[in-house]
C-alpha atoms as a PDB file:
ATOM      1  CA  MET A   1     -31.768   9.433 -55.260  1.00  0.00           C
ATOM      2  CA  SER A   2     -28.639  11.302 -53.130  1.00  0.00           C
ATOM      3  CA  GLU A   3     -27.306  10.319 -49.288  1.00  0.00           C
ATOM      4  CA  PRO A   4     -28.300  12.390 -47.157  1.00  0.00           C
ATOM      5  CA  PHE A   5     -25.429  14.327 -45.284  1.00  0.00           C
ATOM      6  CA  GLN A   6     -23.503  12.394 -42.891  1.00  0.00           C
ATOM      7  CA  LEU A   7     -20.778  13.677 -40.406  1.00  0.00           C
ATOM      8  CA  SER A   8     -19.839  11.372 -37.486  1.00  0.00           C
ATOM      9  CA  LEU A   9     -17.687  12.306 -34.991  1.00  0.00           C
ATOM     10  CA  ALA A  10     -16.497   8.992 -34.087  1.00  0.00           C
ATOM     11  CA  PRO A  11     -14.680   6.435 -35.211  1.00  0.00           C
ATOM     12  CA  ARG A  12     -16.405   3.195 -36.491  1.00  0.00           C
ATOM     13  CA  GLN A  13     -15.324   1.536 -34.223  1.00  0.00           C
ATOM     14  CA  LEU A  14     -13.971   2.535 -31.108  1.00  0.00           C
ATOM     15  CA  THR A  15     -11.385   0.901 -28.613  1.00  0.00           C
ATOM     16  CA  GLN A  16      -9.644   2.909 -25.605  1.00  0.00           C
ATOM     17  CA  THR A  17      -6.080   1.633 -23.956  1.00  0.00           C
ATOM     18  CA  ILE A  18      -6.325   1.713 -20.187  1.00  0.00           C
ATOM     19  CA  ASN A  19      -2.944   1.171 -19.732  1.00  0.00           C
ATOM     20  CA  PRO A  20      -1.174   1.806 -22.723  1.00  0.00           C
ATOM     21  CA  TRP A  21       2.531   1.279 -21.169  1.00  0.00           C
ATOM     22  CA  SER A  22       1.729  -2.506 -21.222  1.00  0.00           C
ATOM     23  CA  TRP A  23       2.407  -3.046 -24.731  1.00  0.00           C
ATOM     24  CA  SER A  24       4.450  -0.753 -25.442  1.00  0.00           C
ATOM     25  CA  PHE A  25       6.732  -0.258 -23.240  1.00  0.00           C
ATOM     26  CA  GLY A  26       6.598  -3.594 -20.766  1.00  0.00           C
ATOM     27  CA  ASP A  27       6.848  -2.333 -17.368  1.00  0.00           C
ATOM     28  CA  PHE A  28       7.429   0.459 -17.914  1.00  0.00           C
ATOM     29  CA  SER A  29       6.274   3.435 -15.205  1.00  0.00           C
ATOM     30  CA  LEU A  30       7.002   6.404 -13.498  1.00  0.00           C
ATOM     31  CA  PHE A  31       7.642   4.306 -10.128  1.00  0.00           C
ATOM     32  CA  THR A  32       8.958   1.100 -10.131  1.00  0.00           C
ATOM     33  CA  ILE A  33       9.063  -0.464  -6.355  1.00  0.00           C
ATOM     34  CA  ASN A  34      11.501  -3.062  -6.781  1.00  0.00           C
ATOM     35  CA  LEU A  35      11.256  -5.507  -3.886  1.00  0.00           C
ATOM     36  CA  GLY A  36      14.331  -7.776  -4.151  1.00  0.00           C
ATOM     37  CA  GLN A  37      14.435 -11.189  -5.538  1.00  0.00           C
ATOM     38  CA  SER A  38      12.557 -13.582  -5.045  1.00  0.00           C
ATOM     39  CA  GLY A  39      12.757 -17.805  -4.339  1.00  0.00           C
ATOM     40  CA  LYS A  40       9.306 -17.820  -5.211  1.00  0.00           C
ATOM     41  CA  PRO A  41       7.558 -14.466  -6.520  1.00  0.00           C
ATOM     42  CA  GLU A  42       3.800 -16.438  -7.732  1.00  0.00           C
ATOM     43  CA  VAL A  43       3.669 -17.007  -3.755  1.00  0.00           C
ATOM     44  CA  GLU A  44       4.725 -13.477  -2.053  1.00  0.00           C
ATOM     45  CA  ALA A  45       2.424 -12.102  -5.437  1.00  0.00           C
ATOM     46  CA  ARG A  46      -0.254 -14.754  -3.435  1.00  0.00           C
ATOM     47  CA  VAL A  47       0.307 -13.606   0.061  1.00  0.00           C
ATOM     48  CA  LEU A  48       0.328  -9.565  -0.940  1.00  0.00           C
ATOM     49  CA  ASP A  49      -2.849  -9.828  -2.815  1.00  0.00           C
ATOM     50  CA  GLU A  50      -4.732 -12.152   0.081  1.00  0.00           C
ATOM     51  CA  VAL A  51      -3.193 -12.128   3.092  1.00  0.00           C
ATOM     52  CA  GLY A  52      -2.013  -7.933   2.948  1.00  0.00           C
ATOM     53  CA  SER A  53       0.177  -5.557   1.970  1.00  0.00           C
ATOM     54  CA  TYR A  54       4.036  -5.632   3.455  1.00  0.00           C
ATOM     55  CA  GLY A  55       3.087  -2.429   5.651  1.00  0.00           C
ATOM     56  CA  ARG A  56      -0.366  -3.450   6.613  1.00  0.00           C
ATOM     57  CA  GLN A  57       1.641  -7.228   7.461  1.00  0.00           C
ATOM     58  CA  ILE A  58       4.098  -5.113   9.012  1.00  0.00           C
ATOM     59  CA  GLY A  59       1.787  -2.934  11.249  1.00  0.00           C
ATOM     60  CA  ARG A  60      -0.246  -6.323  12.813  1.00  0.00           C
ATOM     61  CA  ILE A  61       3.105  -7.834  13.677  1.00  0.00           C
ATOM     62  CA  GLY A  62       3.876  -4.394  15.575  1.00  0.00           C
ATOM     63  CA  GLU A  63       0.899  -4.074  17.095  1.00  0.00           C
ATOM     64  CA  ALA A  64       2.009  -8.046  18.184  1.00  0.00           C
ATOM     65  CA  LEU A  65       4.982  -6.761  19.939  1.00  0.00           C
ATOM     66  CA  GLU A  66       3.818  -3.494  21.601  1.00  0.00           C
ATOM     67  CA  LYS A  67       1.312  -5.829  23.668  1.00  0.00           C
ATOM     68  CA  LEU A  68       3.985  -8.728  24.191  1.00  0.00           C
ATOM     69  CA  ILE A  69       6.287  -5.893  25.275  1.00  0.00           C
ATOM     70  CA  ASP A  70       3.230  -4.307  27.681  1.00  0.00           C
ATOM     71  CA  TRP A  71       3.302  -8.319  28.679  1.00  0.00           C
ATOM     72  CA  ALA A  72       6.867  -8.245  29.283  1.00  0.00           C
ATOM     73  CA  GLU A  73       7.385  -4.819  31.336  1.00  0.00           C
ATOM     74  CA  LYS A  74       4.703  -5.672  34.285  1.00  0.00           C
ATOM     75  CA  GLN A  75       6.726  -9.153  34.372  1.00  0.00           C
ATOM     76  CA  ASP A  76      10.075  -8.006  34.888  1.00  0.00           C
ATOM     77  CA  PRO A  77       9.898  -3.556  35.541  1.00  0.00           C
ATOM     78  CA  ALA A  78      13.556  -3.472  34.726  1.00  0.00           C
ATOM     79  CA  LEU A  79      12.742  -4.186  31.294  1.00  0.00           C
ATOM     80  CA  VAL A  80      10.787  -1.119  31.669  1.00  0.00           C
ATOM     81  CA  GLY A  81      12.796   1.729  29.302  1.00  0.00           C
ATOM     82  CA  THR A  82      14.691  -0.705  27.418  1.00  0.00           C
ATOM     83  CA  PRO A  83      15.902   1.254  24.371  1.00  0.00           C
ATOM     84  CA  ALA A  84      14.844  -0.772  21.484  1.00  0.00           C
ATOM     85  CA  PHE A  85      11.071  -1.304  22.779  1.00  0.00           C
ATOM     86  CA  GLU A  86      11.305   2.670  23.409  1.00  0.00           C
ATOM     87  CA  GLU A  87      12.240   3.046  19.848  1.00  0.00           C
ATOM     88  CA  LEU A  88       9.691   0.560  18.856  1.00  0.00           C
ATOM     89  CA  ARG A  89       7.018   1.909  20.843  1.00  0.00           C
ATOM     90  CA  LYS A  90       8.125   5.698  18.551  1.00  0.00           C
ATOM     91  CA  GLN A  91       8.005   4.812  15.372  1.00  0.00           C
ATOM     92  CA  LEU A  92       4.700   2.634  16.238  1.00  0.00           C
ATOM     93  CA  LEU A  93       3.707   5.878  17.682  1.00  0.00           C
ATOM     94  CA  HIS A  94       4.583   7.677  14.484  1.00  0.00           C
ATOM     95  CA  VAL A  95       2.676   5.824  11.943  1.00  0.00           C
ATOM     96  CA  SER A  96      -0.134   6.509  14.071  1.00  0.00           C
ATOM     97  CA  LEU A  97       0.078  10.375  14.087  1.00  0.00           C
ATOM     98  CA  ILE A  98       0.626   9.460   9.840  1.00  0.00           C
ATOM     99  CA  LYS A  99      -2.799   7.655   9.421  1.00  0.00           C
ATOM    100  CA  GLU A 100      -4.845  10.396  11.123  1.00  0.00           C
ATOM    101  CA  GLN A 101      -3.161  13.015   9.148  1.00  0.00           C
ATOM    102  CA  GLU A 102      -4.295  11.257   6.223  1.00  0.00           C
ATOM    103  CA  THR A 103      -7.359  10.098   7.730  1.00  0.00           C
ATOM    104  CA  ALA A 104      -8.590  13.550   8.567  1.00  0.00           C
ATOM    105  CA  LYS A 105      -6.833  15.068   5.218  1.00  0.00           C
ATOM    106  CA  ALA A 106      -8.943  12.383   3.477  1.00  0.00           C
ATOM    107  CA  GLU A 107     -12.247  13.408   5.019  1.00  0.00           C
ATOM    108  CA  LYS A 108     -10.990  17.471   4.471  1.00  0.00           C
ATOM    109  CA  ALA A 109     -11.297  16.623   0.983  1.00  0.00           C
ATOM    110  CA  SER A 110     -13.659  14.798   0.499  1.00  0.00           C
ATOM    111  CA  ALA A 111     -16.556  17.419   2.817  1.00  0.00           C
END
């Protein structure tokens, strides 16, 4: 008795490497962000993982500083218009506008 004709369109064992660069090229990637030398890279990695990205951390610090500036200006009106305060406010406003634009773009793309 002869074997029936069989055609296999896939290999007997199918595996897929999700990140092929890790096994062949180490840290090779299209984008590399070097955050500098860290005295305790394990701590830095945990902070980024558990607390939040640098952007999120800086954003919260910026929000807190803005509240402190508002308070300080109420305490001493001579501080109103201080160049450093105004520059910080401009940067925070710019970040806010970028976030709004990107949110609108993402909503438009998903609609």
